[in-house]
Amino acid sequence: MGLLSKKDAALITDPLADNNPITIQVLGICSALAITAQLKASIVMAISVLFVMGVGNVVISAIRNIIPSKIRIIVQLTVVAALVIIVDQVLKAFAYELSKELSVFVGLIITNCIIMGRFEAFALGNGLWRSFLDGIGNALGYGVILIIVGFFRELLGSGTLLGIPVLGDPIAKTGLYSIGYENNGFMLLSPMALIVVGIIIWVQRSRNKALIED
């Protein structure tokens, strides 16, 4: 018998595709627009949310039976805020420049609809293991979209990936620039992130017609 049952495995795999929190549930759009101009920032945000959701779901599940229903939202906010503070301090200690680039967006993880939604919809009604899997699955689904969007925005907008030139030197006109290619500055603007997400949604629904709403 494997480590994960089919039902448990679905908690991780479903959010990666046909129940993705961004492209299907349309949650967490703000950060997808704001921080995906650079692939590095997208990866760090994805890892940050992975930590907050994985640990947060476990904590909420562990104390779910002692949380008064009238203050459960306050408790959930307190838990996620504490975890976000940990993430913020770690970034400042080990990746200060990147923490400045992410700026307030790390703090806005506290109000990320995906995290609060999974606390409320899943962690409050399930055990530790399944809540952990649900948090990891939804965080991975969120992170995959951020990384895809960040990949194309940085590549087409700056000609770099993780800050490393991959298309050549636009000043010396080497690589693709030698044949007339120019970076698309529009890709670095937030509206282009929405367009890239829209293309992902279109591809996803083209592949799976069941996702198309009547």
N, C-alpha and C. Protein backbone atom coordinates (compact mmCIF):
# COMPACT_ATOMS: atom_id res chain seq x y z
N MET A 1 0.85 -1.20 0.00
CA MET A 1 0.00 0.00 0.00
C MET A 1 0.88 1.24 0.00
N GLY A 2 0.60 2.17 -0.85
CA GLY A 2 1.41 3.36 -0.97
C GLY A 2 1.23 4.30 0.21
N LEU A 3 2.09 5.30 0.27
CA LEU A 3 2.02 6.29 1.34
C LEU A 3 0.71 7.07 1.29
N LEU A 4 0.25 7.36 0.06
CA LEU A 4 -0.97 8.14 -0.11
C LEU A 4 -2.06 7.29 -0.76
N SER A 5 -3.25 7.38 -0.21
CA SER A 5 -4.39 6.75 -0.87
C SER A 5 -4.77 7.59 -2.07
N LYS A 6 -5.62 7.05 -2.93
CA LYS A 6 -6.04 7.78 -4.13
C LYS A 6 -6.74 9.08 -3.74
N LYS A 7 -7.52 9.01 -2.67
CA LYS A 7 -8.25 10.19 -2.20
C LYS A 7 -7.30 11.25 -1.66
N ASP A 8 -6.27 10.80 -0.93
CA ASP A 8 -5.29 11.74 -0.40
C ASP A 8 -4.44 12.34 -1.51
N ALA A 9 -4.05 11.52 -2.48
CA ALA A 9 -3.23 12.00 -3.59
C ALA A 9 -3.97 13.07 -4.38
N ALA A 10 -5.29 12.93 -4.46
CA ALA A 10 -6.10 13.92 -5.21
C ALA A 10 -6.03 15.29 -4.57
N LEU A 11 -5.79 15.34 -3.25
CA LEU A 11 -5.68 16.63 -2.56
C LEU A 11 -4.49 17.43 -3.08
N ILE A 12 -3.47 16.72 -3.57
CA ILE A 12 -2.29 17.39 -4.12
C ILE A 12 -2.42 17.60 -5.63
N THR A 13 -2.92 16.61 -6.34
CA THR A 13 -2.93 16.68 -7.80
C THR A 13 -4.05 17.54 -8.37
N ASP A 14 -5.22 17.54 -7.74
CA ASP A 14 -6.35 18.31 -8.27
C ASP A 14 -6.06 19.81 -8.38
N PRO A 15 -5.48 20.44 -7.35
CA PRO A 15 -5.19 21.88 -7.47
C PRO A 15 -4.13 22.22 -8.51
N LEU A 16 -3.37 21.22 -8.93
CA LEU A 16 -2.35 21.48 -9.95
C LEU A 16 -2.95 21.65 -11.34
N ALA A 17 -4.17 21.16 -11.51
CA ALA A 17 -4.76 21.19 -12.85
C ALA A 17 -6.21 21.64 -12.83
N ASP A 18 -7.12 20.68 -12.68
CA ASP A 18 -8.54 20.96 -12.92
C ASP A 18 -9.26 21.61 -11.76
N ASN A 19 -8.56 21.89 -10.65
CA ASN A 19 -9.15 22.66 -9.56
C ASN A 19 -8.14 23.69 -9.06
N ASN A 20 -7.41 24.26 -10.01
CA ASN A 20 -6.36 25.21 -9.67
C ASN A 20 -6.95 26.45 -8.98
N PRO A 21 -6.35 26.90 -7.88
CA PRO A 21 -6.92 28.03 -7.15
C PRO A 21 -6.94 29.34 -7.92
N ILE A 22 -6.01 29.51 -8.86
CA ILE A 22 -5.99 30.76 -9.64
C ILE A 22 -6.85 30.65 -10.90
N THR A 23 -6.63 29.62 -11.70
CA THR A 23 -7.29 29.55 -13.01
C THR A 23 -8.71 28.99 -12.96
N ILE A 24 -9.04 28.23 -11.92
CA ILE A 24 -10.38 27.67 -11.81
C ILE A 24 -11.19 28.38 -10.74
N GLN A 25 -10.61 28.52 -9.53
CA GLN A 25 -11.33 29.18 -8.45
C GLN A 25 -11.21 30.70 -8.51
N VAL A 26 -10.29 31.19 -9.34
CA VAL A 26 -10.05 32.63 -9.53
C VAL A 26 -9.77 33.31 -8.18
N LEU A 27 -8.81 32.76 -7.44
CA LEU A 27 -8.37 33.33 -6.17
C LEU A 27 -6.88 33.66 -6.28
N GLY A 28 -6.41 34.60 -5.47
CA GLY A 28 -5.00 34.94 -5.45
C GLY A 28 -4.52 35.66 -6.70
N ILE A 29 -5.43 36.31 -7.40
CA ILE A 29 -5.07 36.99 -8.65
C ILE A 29 -4.15 38.19 -8.40
N CYS A 30 -4.36 38.90 -7.29
CA CYS A 30 -3.60 40.14 -7.04
C CYS A 30 -2.09 39.90 -7.05
N SER A 31 -1.64 38.87 -6.31
CA SER A 31 -0.20 38.60 -6.27
C SER A 31 0.30 38.10 -7.61
N ALA A 32 -0.56 37.41 -8.36
CA ALA A 32 -0.16 36.94 -9.69
C ALA A 32 0.11 38.12 -10.62
N LEU A 33 -0.59 39.22 -10.41
CA LEU A 33 -0.39 40.42 -11.23
C LEU A 33 0.80 41.23 -10.73
N ALA A 34 1.02 41.23 -9.42
CA ALA A 34 1.94 42.19 -8.83
C ALA A 34 3.40 41.77 -8.84
N ILE A 35 3.69 40.49 -8.61
CA ILE A 35 5.08 40.11 -8.34
C ILE A 35 5.68 39.18 -9.39
N THR A 36 4.99 38.99 -10.51
CA THR A 36 5.47 38.01 -11.48
C THR A 36 6.28 38.63 -12.63
N ALA A 37 6.72 39.86 -12.48
CA ALA A 37 7.57 40.45 -13.52
C ALA A 37 8.95 39.81 -13.52
N GLN A 38 9.32 39.18 -12.39
CA GLN A 38 10.60 38.49 -12.27
C GLN A 38 10.35 37.06 -11.81
N LEU A 39 11.04 36.13 -12.42
CA LEU A 39 10.87 34.73 -12.07
C LEU A 39 11.32 34.44 -10.64
N LYS A 40 12.41 35.09 -10.20
CA LYS A 40 12.90 34.86 -8.85
C LYS A 40 11.86 35.24 -7.81
N ALA A 41 11.22 36.39 -7.99
CA ALA A 41 10.19 36.83 -7.05
C ALA A 41 9.01 35.86 -7.06
N SER A 42 8.67 35.34 -8.23
CA SER A 42 7.57 34.38 -8.34
C SER A 42 7.88 33.10 -7.56
N ILE A 43 9.11 32.62 -7.69
CA ILE A 43 9.52 31.40 -6.99
C ILE A 43 9.51 31.60 -5.48
N VAL A 44 10.05 32.74 -5.04
CA VAL A 44 10.09 33.01 -3.59
C VAL A 44 8.69 33.14 -3.02
N MET A 45 7.80 33.82 -3.74
CA MET A 45 6.42 33.94 -3.27
C MET A 45 5.75 32.58 -3.22
N ALA A 46 6.00 31.74 -4.22
CA ALA A 46 5.41 30.40 -4.24
C ALA A 46 5.88 29.58 -3.05
N ILE A 47 7.18 29.65 -2.74
CA ILE A 47 7.73 28.91 -1.60
C ILE A 47 7.16 29.45 -0.29
N SER A 48 7.02 30.77 -0.21
CA SER A 48 6.47 31.39 1.00
C SER A 48 5.05 30.93 1.26
N VAL A 49 4.24 30.93 0.22
CA VAL A 49 2.85 30.49 0.37
C VAL A 49 2.79 29.00 0.67
N LEU A 50 3.71 28.22 0.10
CA LEU A 50 3.78 26.79 0.39
C LEU A 50 4.00 26.55 1.88
N PHE A 51 4.93 27.29 2.47
CA PHE A 51 5.19 27.16 3.90
C PHE A 51 3.99 27.59 4.72
N VAL A 52 3.43 28.75 4.40
CA VAL A 52 2.32 29.29 5.19
C VAL A 52 1.09 28.39 5.12
N MET A 53 0.77 27.89 3.93
CA MET A 53 -0.42 27.05 3.78
C MET A 53 -0.22 25.67 4.39
N GLY A 54 0.95 25.08 4.17
CA GLY A 54 1.21 23.75 4.72
C GLY A 54 1.16 23.76 6.23
N VAL A 55 1.91 24.67 6.85
CA VAL A 55 1.96 24.74 8.31
C VAL A 55 0.65 25.28 8.87
N GLY A 56 0.10 26.29 8.21
CA GLY A 56 -1.14 26.91 8.68
C GLY A 56 -2.30 25.94 8.72
N ASN A 57 -2.45 25.15 7.68
CA ASN A 57 -3.53 24.16 7.66
C ASN A 57 -3.39 23.16 8.81
N VAL A 58 -2.16 22.75 9.09
CA VAL A 58 -1.92 21.80 10.18
C VAL A 58 -2.28 22.43 11.53
N VAL A 59 -1.86 23.67 11.73
CA VAL A 59 -2.15 24.35 13.00
C VAL A 59 -3.65 24.51 13.20
N ILE A 60 -4.35 24.97 12.17
CA ILE A 60 -5.80 25.17 12.28
C ILE A 60 -6.50 23.84 12.53
N SER A 61 -6.05 22.80 11.84
CA SER A 61 -6.64 21.48 12.04
C SER A 61 -6.41 20.99 13.47
N ALA A 62 -5.22 21.26 14.01
CA ALA A 62 -4.87 20.78 15.35
C ALA A 62 -5.72 21.44 16.44
N ILE A 63 -6.10 22.69 16.23
CA ILE A 63 -6.85 23.42 17.26
C ILE A 63 -8.32 23.62 16.89
N ARG A 64 -8.76 22.94 15.84
CA ARG A 64 -10.10 23.20 15.32
C ARG A 64 -11.21 22.93 16.34
N ASN A 65 -11.00 21.98 17.23
CA ASN A 65 -12.04 21.62 18.19
C ASN A 65 -12.11 22.55 19.39
N ILE A 66 -11.14 23.43 19.53
CA ILE A 66 -11.16 24.36 20.67
C ILE A 66 -11.32 25.81 20.23
N ILE A 67 -11.50 26.04 18.92
CA ILE A 67 -11.68 27.41 18.43
C ILE A 67 -13.15 27.78 18.56
N PRO A 68 -13.51 28.80 19.33
CA PRO A 68 -14.90 29.27 19.38
C PRO A 68 -15.33 29.73 17.99
N SER A 69 -16.49 29.29 17.55
CA SER A 69 -16.92 29.60 16.18
C SER A 69 -17.03 31.10 15.92
N LYS A 70 -17.34 31.87 16.94
CA LYS A 70 -17.54 33.31 16.74
C LYS A 70 -16.24 34.05 16.45
N ILE A 71 -15.10 33.46 16.86
CA ILE A 71 -13.83 34.16 16.63
C ILE A 71 -12.89 33.34 15.75
N ARG A 72 -13.44 32.39 14.99
CA ARG A 72 -12.57 31.51 14.20
C ARG A 72 -11.80 32.29 13.13
N ILE A 73 -12.41 33.31 12.53
CA ILE A 73 -11.71 34.11 11.51
C ILE A 73 -10.54 34.85 12.13
N ILE A 74 -10.75 35.38 13.34
CA ILE A 74 -9.67 36.10 14.03
C ILE A 74 -8.52 35.15 14.34
N VAL A 75 -8.86 33.94 14.78
CA VAL A 75 -7.83 32.95 15.08
C VAL A 75 -7.06 32.58 13.82
N GLN A 76 -7.78 32.38 12.72
CA GLN A 76 -7.14 32.04 11.45
C GLN A 76 -6.20 33.15 11.00
N LEU A 77 -6.63 34.39 11.13
CA LEU A 77 -5.78 35.52 10.76
C LEU A 77 -4.54 35.60 11.64
N THR A 78 -4.71 35.30 12.92
CA THR A 78 -3.58 35.33 13.84
C THR A 78 -2.54 34.27 13.46
N VAL A 79 -3.01 33.08 13.13
CA VAL A 79 -2.11 31.99 12.74
C VAL A 79 -1.35 32.35 11.46
N VAL A 80 -2.08 32.81 10.44
CA VAL A 80 -1.41 33.11 9.17
C VAL A 80 -0.49 34.31 9.32
N ALA A 81 -0.87 35.30 10.15
CA ALA A 81 -0.01 36.47 10.36
C ALA A 81 1.30 36.07 11.02
N ALA A 82 1.23 35.16 12.00
CA ALA A 82 2.45 34.70 12.68
C ALA A 82 3.37 34.00 11.70
N LEU A 83 2.81 33.17 10.83
CA LEU A 83 3.62 32.45 9.84
C LEU A 83 4.22 33.41 8.81
N VAL A 84 3.46 34.41 8.41
CA VAL A 84 3.97 35.39 7.44
C VAL A 84 5.10 36.20 8.04
N ILE A 85 5.00 36.53 9.33
CA ILE A 85 6.09 37.25 10.01
C ILE A 85 7.38 36.42 9.98
N ILE A 86 7.24 35.12 10.18
CA ILE A 86 8.41 34.23 10.11
C ILE A 86 9.03 34.28 8.71
N VAL A 87 8.18 34.18 7.69
CA VAL A 87 8.65 34.24 6.30
C VAL A 87 9.35 35.56 6.03
N ASP A 88 8.75 36.66 6.48
CA ASP A 88 9.30 37.99 6.24
C ASP A 88 10.66 38.15 6.90
N GLN A 89 10.79 37.66 8.13
CA GLN A 89 12.07 37.78 8.84
C GLN A 89 13.15 36.92 8.20
N VAL A 90 12.79 35.74 7.73
CA VAL A 90 13.75 34.87 7.05
C VAL A 90 14.24 35.53 5.77
N LEU A 91 13.32 36.12 5.00
CA LEU A 91 13.71 36.80 3.77
C LEU A 91 14.63 37.99 4.06
N LYS A 92 14.32 38.74 5.09
CA LYS A 92 15.16 39.89 5.43
C LYS A 92 16.55 39.44 5.88
N ALA A 93 16.61 38.27 6.52
CA ALA A 93 17.90 37.78 7.01
C ALA A 93 18.76 37.19 5.90
N PHE A 94 18.14 36.50 4.95
CA PHE A 94 18.91 35.74 3.97
C PHE A 94 18.77 36.23 2.52
N ALA A 95 17.78 37.07 2.23
CA ALA A 95 17.59 37.58 0.87
C ALA A 95 17.02 38.99 0.96
N TYR A 96 17.83 39.88 1.54
CA TYR A 96 17.33 41.22 1.87
C TYR A 96 16.88 41.99 0.63
N GLU A 97 17.68 41.96 -0.44
CA GLU A 97 17.32 42.70 -1.64
C GLU A 97 16.00 42.20 -2.22
N LEU A 98 15.83 40.89 -2.21
CA LEU A 98 14.59 40.32 -2.73
C LEU A 98 13.42 40.66 -1.82
N SER A 99 13.66 40.71 -0.52
CA SER A 99 12.59 41.06 0.41
C SER A 99 12.12 42.50 0.17
N LYS A 100 13.05 43.38 -0.23
CA LYS A 100 12.67 44.76 -0.55
C LYS A 100 11.85 44.82 -1.83
N GLU A 101 12.20 43.96 -2.80
CA GLU A 101 11.45 43.94 -4.06
C GLU A 101 10.03 43.43 -3.83
N LEU A 102 9.90 42.40 -2.98
CA LEU A 102 8.56 41.87 -2.70
C LEU A 102 7.76 42.83 -1.82
N SER A 103 8.49 43.58 -0.98
CA SER A 103 7.90 44.66 -0.20
C SER A 103 6.63 44.21 0.53
N VAL A 104 5.54 44.97 0.33
CA VAL A 104 4.29 44.71 1.06
C VAL A 104 3.61 43.43 0.62
N PHE A 105 4.02 42.86 -0.51
CA PHE A 105 3.29 41.70 -1.03
C PHE A 105 3.47 40.46 -0.17
N VAL A 106 4.59 40.37 0.56
CA VAL A 106 4.74 39.27 1.52
C VAL A 106 3.70 39.41 2.62
N GLY A 107 3.54 40.63 3.12
CA GLY A 107 2.54 40.87 4.15
C GLY A 107 1.13 40.59 3.68
N LEU A 108 0.88 40.80 2.40
CA LEU A 108 -0.46 40.57 1.86
C LEU A 108 -0.81 39.09 1.76
N ILE A 109 0.17 38.20 2.01
CA ILE A 109 -0.15 36.78 2.08
C ILE A 109 -1.20 36.55 3.15
N ILE A 110 -1.19 37.41 4.18
CA ILE A 110 -2.14 37.27 5.29
C ILE A 110 -3.57 37.30 4.78
N THR A 111 -3.83 38.12 3.78
CA THR A 111 -5.20 38.26 3.27
C THR A 111 -5.43 37.47 1.98
N ASN A 112 -4.50 36.58 1.66
CA ASN A 112 -4.67 35.78 0.45
C ASN A 112 -5.92 34.91 0.58
N CYS A 113 -6.83 35.06 -0.36
CA CYS A 113 -8.11 34.35 -0.30
C CYS A 113 -7.94 32.84 -0.32
N ILE A 114 -6.90 32.35 -0.99
CA ILE A 114 -6.67 30.91 -1.07
C ILE A 114 -6.40 30.35 0.32
N ILE A 115 -5.53 31.02 1.07
CA ILE A 115 -5.15 30.52 2.40
C ILE A 115 -6.34 30.53 3.35
N MET A 116 -7.01 31.67 3.44
CA MET A 116 -8.15 31.76 4.34
C MET A 116 -9.26 30.80 3.90
N GLY A 117 -9.42 30.64 2.60
CA GLY A 117 -10.44 29.74 2.08
C GLY A 117 -10.19 28.30 2.47
N ARG A 118 -8.93 27.85 2.40
CA ARG A 118 -8.60 26.47 2.76
C ARG A 118 -8.68 26.25 4.26
N PHE A 119 -8.31 27.26 5.04
CA PHE A 119 -8.49 27.16 6.50
C PHE A 119 -9.96 26.88 6.81
N GLU A 120 -10.81 27.71 6.21
CA GLU A 120 -12.24 27.67 6.51
C GLU A 120 -12.92 26.44 5.93
N ALA A 121 -12.59 26.13 4.69
CA ALA A 121 -13.31 25.06 3.98
C ALA A 121 -12.78 23.67 4.27
N PHE A 122 -11.51 23.56 4.65
CA PHE A 122 -10.93 22.22 4.78
C PHE A 122 -10.31 21.95 6.16
N ALA A 123 -9.39 22.80 6.58
CA ALA A 123 -8.65 22.51 7.81
C ALA A 123 -9.55 22.44 9.04
N LEU A 124 -10.63 23.21 9.04
CA LEU A 124 -11.53 23.20 10.19
C LEU A 124 -12.34 21.91 10.29
N GLY A 125 -12.34 21.10 9.24
CA GLY A 125 -13.16 19.90 9.25
C GLY A 125 -12.42 18.61 8.99
N ASN A 126 -11.08 18.68 8.94
CA ASN A 126 -10.30 17.48 8.63
C ASN A 126 -9.10 17.34 9.55
N GLY A 127 -8.52 16.13 9.54
CA GLY A 127 -7.38 15.83 10.39
C GLY A 127 -6.09 16.45 9.91
N LEU A 128 -5.02 16.26 10.68
CA LEU A 128 -3.74 16.91 10.41
C LEU A 128 -3.15 16.52 9.06
N TRP A 129 -3.10 15.22 8.76
CA TRP A 129 -2.45 14.75 7.55
C TRP A 129 -3.15 15.25 6.30
N ARG A 130 -4.47 15.09 6.25
CA ARG A 130 -5.21 15.51 5.07
C ARG A 130 -5.19 17.04 4.93
N SER A 131 -5.21 17.74 6.05
CA SER A 131 -5.14 19.20 5.99
C SER A 131 -3.78 19.64 5.46
N PHE A 132 -2.72 18.94 5.88
CA PHE A 132 -1.38 19.25 5.36
C PHE A 132 -1.33 19.04 3.86
N LEU A 133 -1.85 17.91 3.39
CA LEU A 133 -1.86 17.62 1.95
C LEU A 133 -2.66 18.65 1.17
N ASP A 134 -3.79 19.05 1.73
CA ASP A 134 -4.62 20.06 1.06
C ASP A 134 -3.88 21.39 0.95
N GLY A 135 -3.20 21.78 2.04
CA GLY A 135 -2.44 23.03 2.01
C GLY A 135 -1.32 22.99 1.00
N ILE A 136 -0.58 21.88 0.99
CA ILE A 136 0.53 21.73 0.05
C ILE A 136 0.01 21.71 -1.39
N GLY A 137 -1.07 20.98 -1.64
CA GLY A 137 -1.62 20.88 -2.99
C GLY A 137 -2.06 22.22 -3.54
N ASN A 138 -2.82 22.98 -2.74
CA ASN A 138 -3.30 24.28 -3.21
C ASN A 138 -2.17 25.29 -3.35
N ALA A 139 -1.17 25.21 -2.45
CA ALA A 139 -0.01 26.10 -2.57
C ALA A 139 0.79 25.79 -3.83
N LEU A 140 0.94 24.49 -4.15
CA LEU A 140 1.64 24.11 -5.37
C LEU A 140 0.89 24.58 -6.61
N GLY A 141 -0.45 24.42 -6.58
CA GLY A 141 -1.25 24.89 -7.71
C GLY A 141 -1.11 26.38 -7.92
N TYR A 142 -1.10 27.12 -6.82
CA TYR A 142 -0.90 28.57 -6.87
C TYR A 142 0.51 28.90 -7.39
N GLY A 143 1.50 28.20 -6.83
CA GLY A 143 2.89 28.48 -7.18
C GLY A 143 3.22 28.16 -8.63
N VAL A 144 2.65 27.08 -9.16
CA VAL A 144 2.91 26.71 -10.55
C VAL A 144 2.47 27.82 -11.50
N ILE A 145 1.30 28.39 -11.25
CA ILE A 145 0.82 29.48 -12.11
C ILE A 145 1.72 30.70 -11.99
N LEU A 146 2.11 31.06 -10.77
CA LEU A 146 3.02 32.19 -10.57
C LEU A 146 4.32 32.00 -11.33
N ILE A 147 4.88 30.79 -11.26
CA ILE A 147 6.16 30.53 -11.91
C ILE A 147 6.03 30.56 -13.43
N ILE A 148 4.94 30.01 -13.96
CA ILE A 148 4.71 30.05 -15.41
C ILE A 148 4.60 31.49 -15.89
N VAL A 149 3.79 32.28 -15.18
CA VAL A 149 3.59 33.68 -15.56
C VAL A 149 4.91 34.44 -15.43
N GLY A 150 5.63 34.22 -14.33
CA GLY A 150 6.90 34.91 -14.13
C GLY A 150 7.93 34.54 -15.18
N PHE A 151 7.93 33.26 -15.61
CA PHE A 151 8.86 32.79 -16.63
C PHE A 151 8.67 33.58 -17.94
N PHE A 152 7.45 33.66 -18.41
CA PHE A 152 7.20 34.31 -19.70
C PHE A 152 7.32 35.83 -19.61
N ARG A 153 6.91 36.40 -18.47
CA ARG A 153 7.01 37.86 -18.35
C ARG A 153 8.47 38.32 -18.32
N GLU A 154 9.30 37.62 -17.55
CA GLU A 154 10.71 38.03 -17.49
C GLU A 154 11.42 37.72 -18.80
N LEU A 155 11.14 36.55 -19.39
CA LEU A 155 11.82 36.16 -20.63
C LEU A 155 11.50 37.12 -21.76
N LEU A 156 10.21 37.40 -21.96
CA LEU A 156 9.81 38.25 -23.08
C LEU A 156 9.93 39.74 -22.77
N GLY A 157 9.89 40.09 -21.48
CA GLY A 157 9.97 41.50 -21.11
C GLY A 157 11.38 42.01 -20.92
N SER A 158 12.26 41.13 -20.40
CA SER A 158 13.63 41.55 -20.11
C SER A 158 14.68 40.74 -20.85
N GLY A 159 14.29 39.61 -21.43
CA GLY A 159 15.26 38.76 -22.11
C GLY A 159 16.14 38.00 -21.15
N THR A 160 15.70 37.89 -19.89
CA THR A 160 16.49 37.20 -18.87
C THR A 160 15.63 36.17 -18.16
N LEU A 161 16.28 35.27 -17.43
CA LEU A 161 15.61 34.35 -16.51
C LEU A 161 16.44 34.30 -15.24
N LEU A 162 15.79 34.58 -14.11
CA LEU A 162 16.49 34.69 -12.83
C LEU A 162 17.60 35.73 -12.91
N GLY A 163 17.39 36.75 -13.74
CA GLY A 163 18.36 37.82 -13.89
C GLY A 163 19.51 37.51 -14.83
N ILE A 164 19.52 36.32 -15.40
CA ILE A 164 20.61 35.91 -16.30
C ILE A 164 20.17 36.09 -17.75
N PRO A 165 20.92 36.84 -18.58
CA PRO A 165 20.54 37.02 -19.99
C PRO A 165 20.54 35.69 -20.72
N VAL A 166 19.43 35.40 -21.39
CA VAL A 166 19.33 34.14 -22.14
C VAL A 166 19.06 34.36 -23.62
N LEU A 167 18.69 35.57 -23.98
CA LEU A 167 18.41 35.85 -25.40
C LEU A 167 19.51 36.64 -26.07
N GLY A 168 20.55 36.96 -25.30
CA GLY A 168 21.64 37.75 -25.86
C GLY A 168 21.75 39.09 -25.15
N ASP A 169 22.57 39.96 -25.70
CA ASP A 169 22.78 41.30 -25.14
C ASP A 169 22.07 42.32 -26.00
N PRO A 170 21.04 43.00 -25.45
CA PRO A 170 20.29 43.97 -26.27
C PRO A 170 21.10 45.20 -26.65
N ILE A 171 22.16 45.49 -25.89
CA ILE A 171 23.00 46.65 -26.19
C ILE A 171 24.02 46.30 -27.29
N ALA A 172 24.70 45.19 -27.11
CA ALA A 172 25.70 44.75 -28.10
C ALA A 172 25.08 44.06 -29.30
N LYS A 173 23.75 43.83 -29.22
CA LYS A 173 23.01 43.18 -30.31
C LYS A 173 23.57 41.80 -30.63
N THR A 174 23.64 40.97 -29.59
CA THR A 174 24.06 39.59 -29.79
C THR A 174 22.85 38.67 -29.61
N GLY A 175 23.01 37.41 -29.97
CA GLY A 175 21.92 36.46 -29.82
C GLY A 175 20.73 36.82 -30.70
N LEU A 176 19.52 36.70 -30.15
CA LEU A 176 18.31 37.02 -30.92
C LEU A 176 18.24 38.49 -31.30
N TYR A 177 18.89 39.34 -30.49
CA TYR A 177 18.86 40.77 -30.79
C TYR A 177 19.59 41.10 -32.08
N SER A 178 20.49 40.22 -32.51
CA SER A 178 21.25 40.46 -33.74
C SER A 178 20.37 40.33 -34.98
N ILE A 179 19.21 39.68 -34.83
CA ILE A 179 18.31 39.53 -35.99
C ILE A 179 17.07 40.43 -35.87
N GLY A 180 17.18 41.42 -34.96
CA GLY A 180 16.11 42.42 -34.86
C GLY A 180 15.12 42.22 -33.73
N TYR A 181 15.32 41.20 -32.91
CA TYR A 181 14.40 40.97 -31.79
C TYR A 181 14.53 42.09 -30.76
N GLU A 182 13.41 42.52 -30.20
CA GLU A 182 13.41 43.53 -29.13
C GLU A 182 12.56 43.04 -27.97
N ASN A 183 12.97 43.39 -26.76
CA ASN A 183 12.18 43.03 -25.59
C ASN A 183 10.82 43.73 -25.63
N ASN A 184 9.81 43.03 -25.16
CA ASN A 184 8.46 43.60 -25.10
C ASN A 184 8.25 44.19 -23.71
N GLY A 185 8.42 45.49 -23.62
CA GLY A 185 8.30 46.16 -22.32
C GLY A 185 6.92 46.04 -21.70
N PHE A 186 5.90 45.82 -22.52
CA PHE A 186 4.55 45.66 -22.00
C PHE A 186 4.45 44.44 -21.07
N MET A 187 5.31 43.43 -21.29
CA MET A 187 5.25 42.23 -20.48
C MET A 187 5.58 42.51 -19.01
N LEU A 188 6.25 43.62 -18.75
CA LEU A 188 6.62 43.95 -17.38
C LEU A 188 5.52 44.70 -16.65
N LEU A 189 4.46 45.05 -17.36
CA LEU A 189 3.33 45.75 -16.75
C LEU A 189 2.31 44.75 -16.22
N SER A 190 1.65 45.11 -15.14
CA SER A 190 0.70 44.20 -14.49
C SER A 190 -0.42 43.69 -15.40
N PRO A 191 -0.99 44.52 -16.30
CA PRO A 191 -2.05 44.00 -17.17
C PRO A 191 -1.62 42.81 -18.02
N MET A 192 -0.33 42.73 -18.37
CA MET A 192 0.13 41.61 -19.18
C MET A 192 0.12 40.31 -18.37
N ALA A 193 0.27 40.42 -17.05
CA ALA A 193 0.15 39.22 -16.22
C ALA A 193 -1.25 38.65 -16.32
N LEU A 194 -2.23 39.54 -16.33
CA LEU A 194 -3.62 39.10 -16.45
C LEU A 194 -3.86 38.43 -17.80
N ILE A 195 -3.23 38.95 -18.85
CA ILE A 195 -3.37 38.35 -20.17
C ILE A 195 -2.72 36.97 -20.21
N VAL A 196 -1.54 36.83 -19.60
CA VAL A 196 -0.88 35.53 -19.56
C VAL A 196 -1.72 34.53 -18.78
N VAL A 197 -2.28 34.95 -17.65
CA VAL A 197 -3.17 34.07 -16.88
C VAL A 197 -4.38 33.68 -17.73
N GLY A 198 -4.91 34.66 -18.48
CA GLY A 198 -6.04 34.38 -19.36
C GLY A 198 -5.70 33.34 -20.42
N ILE A 199 -4.49 33.40 -20.96
CA ILE A 199 -4.07 32.41 -21.95
C ILE A 199 -3.97 31.02 -21.31
N ILE A 200 -3.45 30.97 -20.08
CA ILE A 200 -3.36 29.69 -19.36
C ILE A 200 -4.77 29.12 -19.15
N ILE A 201 -5.71 29.98 -18.76
CA ILE A 201 -7.09 29.54 -18.56
C ILE A 201 -7.67 29.01 -19.86
N TRP A 202 -7.40 29.69 -20.96
CA TRP A 202 -7.91 29.26 -22.27
C TRP A 202 -7.34 27.89 -22.65
N VAL A 203 -6.03 27.72 -22.45
CA VAL A 203 -5.40 26.43 -22.77
C VAL A 203 -5.98 25.33 -21.89
N GLN A 204 -6.18 25.63 -20.63
CA GLN A 204 -6.70 24.64 -19.69
C GLN A 204 -8.11 24.20 -20.07
N ARG A 205 -8.94 25.14 -20.45
CA ARG A 205 -10.31 24.81 -20.82
C ARG A 205 -10.39 24.17 -22.20
N SER A 206 -9.45 24.49 -23.06
CA SER A 206 -9.40 23.83 -24.37
C SER A 206 -9.04 22.36 -24.21
N ARG A 207 -8.20 22.06 -23.22
CA ARG A 207 -7.78 20.69 -22.97
C ARG A 207 -8.88 19.89 -22.27
N ASN A 208 -9.62 20.55 -21.39
CA ASN A 208 -10.67 19.88 -20.63
C ASN A 208 -11.98 20.65 -20.78
N LYS A 209 -12.83 20.20 -21.70
CA LYS A 209 -14.08 20.89 -22.00
C LYS A 209 -15.03 20.93 -20.80
N ALA A 210 -14.85 20.02 -19.84
CA ALA A 210 -15.74 19.97 -18.68
C ALA A 210 -15.59 21.22 -17.81
N LEU A 211 -14.48 21.94 -17.97
CA LEU A 211 -14.25 23.13 -17.17
C LEU A 211 -14.99 24.35 -17.72
N ILE A 212 -15.51 24.25 -18.93
CA ILE A 212 -16.22 25.36 -19.55
C ILE A 212 -17.61 25.46 -18.97
N GLU A 213 -17.92 26.63 -18.40
CA GLU A 213 -19.23 26.83 -17.79
C GLU A 213 -20.27 27.14 -18.85
N ASP A 214 -21.48 26.64 -18.64
CA ASP A 214 -22.58 26.91 -19.57
C ASP A 214 -23.04 28.35 -19.47
